[in-house]
Protein backbone atom coordinates (compact mmCIF):
# COMPACT_ATOMS: atom_id res chain seq x y z
CA UNK A 1 -38.07 46.92 11.71
CA UNK A 2 -35.24 44.44 12.33
CA UNK A 3 -37.72 41.57 12.09
CA UNK A 4 -39.04 42.90 8.78
CA UNK A 5 -35.49 43.22 7.41
CA UNK A 6 -34.63 39.71 8.61
CA UNK A 7 -37.76 38.26 6.99
CA UNK A 8 -37.01 40.07 3.72
CA UNK A 9 -33.42 38.82 3.76
CA UNK A 10 -34.54 35.23 4.40
CA UNK A 11 -37.13 35.45 1.61
CA UNK A 12 -34.52 36.80 -0.81
CA UNK A 13 -32.10 34.02 0.16
CA UNK A 14 -34.78 31.35 -0.29
CA UNK A 15 -35.79 32.80 -3.68
CA UNK A 16 -32.16 32.84 -4.83
CA UNK A 17 -31.64 29.26 -3.63
CA UNK A 18 -34.75 28.03 -5.44
CA UNK A 19 -33.65 29.79 -8.64
CA UNK A 20 -30.23 28.14 -8.38
CA UNK A 21 -31.81 24.68 -8.35
CA UNK A 22 -32.70 22.89 -11.55
CA UNK A 23 -36.43 22.18 -11.83
CA UNK A 24 -37.83 19.90 -14.53
CA UNK A 25 -41.48 19.11 -15.19
CA UNK A 26 -43.02 16.04 -16.68
CA UNK A 27 -45.88 13.57 -16.86
CA UNK A 28 -46.23 9.93 -15.90
CA UNK A 29 -48.72 7.07 -16.21
CA UNK A 30 -48.78 3.43 -15.38
CA UNK A 31 -50.28 0.32 -13.89
CA UNK A 32 -51.71 -0.03 -10.37
CA UNK A 33 -51.81 -3.43 -8.69
CA UNK A 34 -54.03 -2.36 -5.81
CA UNK A 35 -55.40 -4.21 -2.82
CA UNK A 36 -56.70 -3.57 0.68
CA UNK A 37 -55.03 -4.96 3.79
CA UNK A 38 -56.03 -5.04 7.43
CA UNK A 39 -58.89 -6.56 9.42
CA UNK A 40 -60.94 -9.26 7.66
CA UNK A 41 -59.37 -8.75 4.24
CA UNK A 42 -58.10 -12.32 3.66
CA UNK A 43 -60.80 -13.02 1.04
CA UNK A 44 -60.05 -9.92 -1.02
CA UNK A 45 -58.14 -10.07 -4.30
CA UNK A 46 -56.19 -7.28 -5.94
CA UNK A 47 -57.62 -4.84 -8.46
CA UNK A 48 -55.68 -3.92 -11.60
CA UNK A 49 -56.13 -0.29 -12.65
CA UNK A 50 -54.02 2.74 -13.60
CA UNK A 51 -52.61 6.09 -12.48
CA UNK A 52 -51.60 9.22 -14.37
CA UNK A 53 -50.51 12.74 -13.59
CA UNK A 54 -47.90 15.48 -13.45
CA UNK A 55 -44.48 15.47 -11.77
CA UNK A 56 -41.70 17.92 -11.03
CA UNK A 57 -38.13 17.14 -10.05
CA UNK A 58 -36.21 19.71 -8.01
CA UNK A 59 -32.48 18.97 -8.00
CA UNK A 60 -30.88 19.80 -4.66
CA UNK A 61 -27.48 18.36 -5.55
CA UNK A 62 -25.98 16.00 -8.12
CA UNK A 63 -27.14 12.96 -6.12
CA UNK A 64 -30.28 14.21 -4.35
CA UNK A 65 -33.59 15.64 -5.55
CA UNK A 66 -37.18 16.08 -4.43
CA UNK A 67 -40.05 14.99 -6.66
CA UNK A 68 -43.56 16.26 -5.87
CA UNK A 69 -46.36 14.69 -7.92
CA UNK A 70 -50.08 15.12 -8.54
CA UNK A 71 -51.64 11.80 -9.57
CA UNK A 72 -55.10 10.51 -10.38
CA UNK A 73 -55.04 6.94 -9.06
CA UNK A 74 -57.65 4.17 -9.31
CA UNK A 75 -57.40 1.73 -6.39
CA UNK A 76 -59.50 -0.78 -4.47
CA UNK A 77 -59.96 -4.55 -4.35
CA UNK A 78 -62.16 -7.42 -5.54
CA UNK A 79 -64.05 -10.28 -3.94
CA UNK A 80 -65.14 -13.35 -5.93
CA UNK A 81 -67.08 -16.41 -4.81
CA UNK A 82 -69.38 -18.88 -6.63
CA UNK A 83 -70.11 -16.62 -9.60
CA UNK A 84 -70.57 -13.52 -7.45
CA UNK A 85 -68.06 -10.69 -7.91
CA UNK A 86 -67.85 -7.48 -5.89
CA UNK A 87 -65.43 -4.68 -6.75
CA UNK A 88 -64.50 -1.92 -4.32
CA UNK A 89 -63.68 1.12 -6.47
CA UNK A 90 -61.68 3.97 -4.92
CA UNK A 91 -60.54 6.93 -7.03
CA UNK A 92 -57.96 9.26 -5.43
CA UNK A 93 -56.12 12.45 -6.16
CA UNK A 94 -52.74 11.58 -4.61
CA UNK A 95 -49.96 14.01 -3.72
CA UNK A 96 -46.72 12.11 -3.06
CA UNK A 97 -43.51 13.99 -2.23
CA UNK A 98 -40.58 11.73 -2.98
CA UNK A 99 -36.99 12.14 -1.86
CA UNK A 100 -34.75 10.69 -4.60
CA UNK A 101 -31.16 9.60 -4.10
CA UNK A 102 -29.21 8.68 -7.24
CA UNK A 103 -27.08 5.63 -6.45
CA UNK A 104 -25.68 5.35 -10.00
CA UNK A 105 -26.03 7.14 -13.34
CA UNK A 106 -29.81 7.43 -13.87
CA UNK A 107 -30.76 4.97 -11.09
CA UNK A 108 -32.50 6.32 -7.97
CA UNK A 109 -33.89 5.06 -4.70
CA UNK A 110 -37.04 6.91 -3.65
CA UNK A 111 -39.08 7.32 -0.48
CA UNK A 112 -41.60 9.79 0.82
CA UNK A 113 -45.03 10.53 2.28
CA UNK A 114 -48.28 10.71 0.39
CA UNK A 115 -51.69 12.22 1.07
CA UNK A 116 -54.68 11.09 -0.95
CA UNK A 117 -58.01 12.85 -1.40
CA UNK A 118 -60.92 10.53 -2.17
CA UNK A 119 -62.73 11.57 -5.36
CA UNK A 120 -65.12 8.64 -5.65
CA UNK A 121 -65.95 5.44 -3.77
CA UNK A 122 -68.31 2.79 -5.14
CA UNK A 123 -69.30 -0.85 -4.79
CA UNK A 124 -69.97 -2.79 -7.98
CA UNK A 125 -71.66 -6.18 -7.64
CA UNK A 126 -72.04 -8.65 -10.48
CA UNK A 127 -73.93 -11.98 -10.48
CA UNK A 128 -75.24 -14.06 -13.41
CA UNK A 129 -74.49 -11.31 -15.92
CA UNK A 130 -76.38 -8.67 -13.93
CA UNK A 131 -74.44 -5.80 -12.37
CA UNK A 132 -75.24 -2.94 -10.02
CA UNK A 133 -73.08 -0.06 -8.80
CA UNK A 134 -73.80 1.96 -5.65
CA UNK A 135 -72.01 4.72 -3.75
CA UNK A 136 -69.91 3.71 -0.76
CA UNK A 137 -70.54 6.21 2.04
CA UNK A 138 -68.26 4.38 4.51
CA UNK A 139 -64.95 5.44 2.93
CA UNK A 140 -62.67 8.00 4.57
CA UNK A 141 -62.13 11.15 2.53
CA UNK A 142 -58.38 11.36 3.33
CA UNK A 143 -55.71 8.67 3.02
CA UNK A 144 -52.13 8.85 4.30
CA UNK A 145 -49.33 6.58 3.18
CA UNK A 146 -45.61 6.04 2.66
CA UNK A 147 -44.04 5.31 -0.71
CA UNK A 148 -40.88 3.32 -1.41
CA UNK A 149 -39.47 2.75 -4.87
CA UNK A 150 -36.74 2.68 -7.47
CA UNK A 151 -36.44 4.63 -10.69
CA UNK A 152 -34.36 4.99 -13.80
CA UNK A 153 -34.13 8.26 -15.79
CA UNK A 154 -32.56 8.41 -19.25
CA UNK A 155 -30.78 11.48 -20.62
CA UNK A 156 -33.66 11.95 -23.09
CA UNK A 157 -36.09 12.54 -20.18
CA UNK A 158 -37.80 9.17 -20.52
CA UNK A 159 -38.05 7.51 -17.11
CA UNK A 160 -39.33 4.33 -15.49
CA UNK A 161 -40.30 3.54 -11.92
CA UNK A 162 -41.59 0.89 -9.57
CA UNK A 163 -43.15 2.03 -6.30
CA UNK A 164 -44.99 0.51 -3.36
CA UNK A 165 -47.53 2.60 -1.45
CA UNK A 166 -48.03 1.42 2.13
CA UNK A 167 -51.30 2.82 3.48
CA UNK A 168 -51.08 4.13 7.04
CA UNK A 169 -54.58 5.43 7.73
CA UNK A 170 -57.91 3.62 8.07
CA UNK A 171 -59.85 4.06 4.83
CA UNK A 172 -63.03 2.72 6.47
CA UNK A 173 -65.04 5.50 8.13
CA UNK A 174 -68.31 3.70 8.78
CA UNK A 175 -69.91 2.18 11.84
CA UNK A 176 -67.33 0.49 14.09
CA UNK A 177 -64.38 2.22 12.43
CA UNK A 178 -62.64 2.42 15.83
CA UNK A 179 -62.61 -1.39 15.99
CA UNK A 180 -62.12 -2.20 12.31
CA UNK A 181 -59.20 -0.92 10.24
CA UNK A 182 -58.25 -1.39 6.58
CA UNK A 183 -55.52 0.32 4.56
CA UNK A 184 -54.66 0.79 0.89
CA UNK A 185 -51.78 -1.23 -0.52
CA UNK A 186 -50.66 -0.36 -4.06
CA UNK A 187 -47.79 -1.49 -6.27
CA UNK A 188 -47.24 0.95 -9.15
CA UNK A 189 -45.27 0.49 -12.35
CA UNK A 190 -44.81 3.78 -14.23
CA UNK A 191 -43.38 5.29 -17.35
CA UNK A 192 -42.90 9.03 -17.64
CA UNK A 193 -41.19 11.82 -19.50
CA UNK A 194 -39.46 15.01 -18.28
CA UNK A 195 -39.78 17.88 -20.76
């Protein structure tokens, strides 16, 4: 009975604390400058794509907040040589959780972990005007990374951000994946709005 009372008291305290915090919701979208780093990736070029999704900011104090996000993100890389072009297309549903520290009015430094769920993985090859796209079965279904960035939020709710996603896990899950490792590397430039 004491344990039940203690649990109920803790739940009530947590609920009261969450209600005392200011929570704002919003949306964001922007540019991805994506690439792949790791073993044998010297010949790969970056891929320009986009991201978009929903965000929430939970204010813990005047200077500190937590910002969970749910983003659709197009990533990958390109290879070009003598008229042949191959594009590695990776589409993710990313869930970053960013810790934000406001260093000045509206300006924040941000860092936090991210987990990505692979939605689609394809190879697109193009040569002499002919193109073909096939599924890539060698991609890992889960991606882990760390994000680092800066942001600026205006009083109107309009906000801007620049973020770098450093991939930590091997996104190659095919034959020889124990000996061969590649990671996502994404620079994001975003604009958003808190309602």
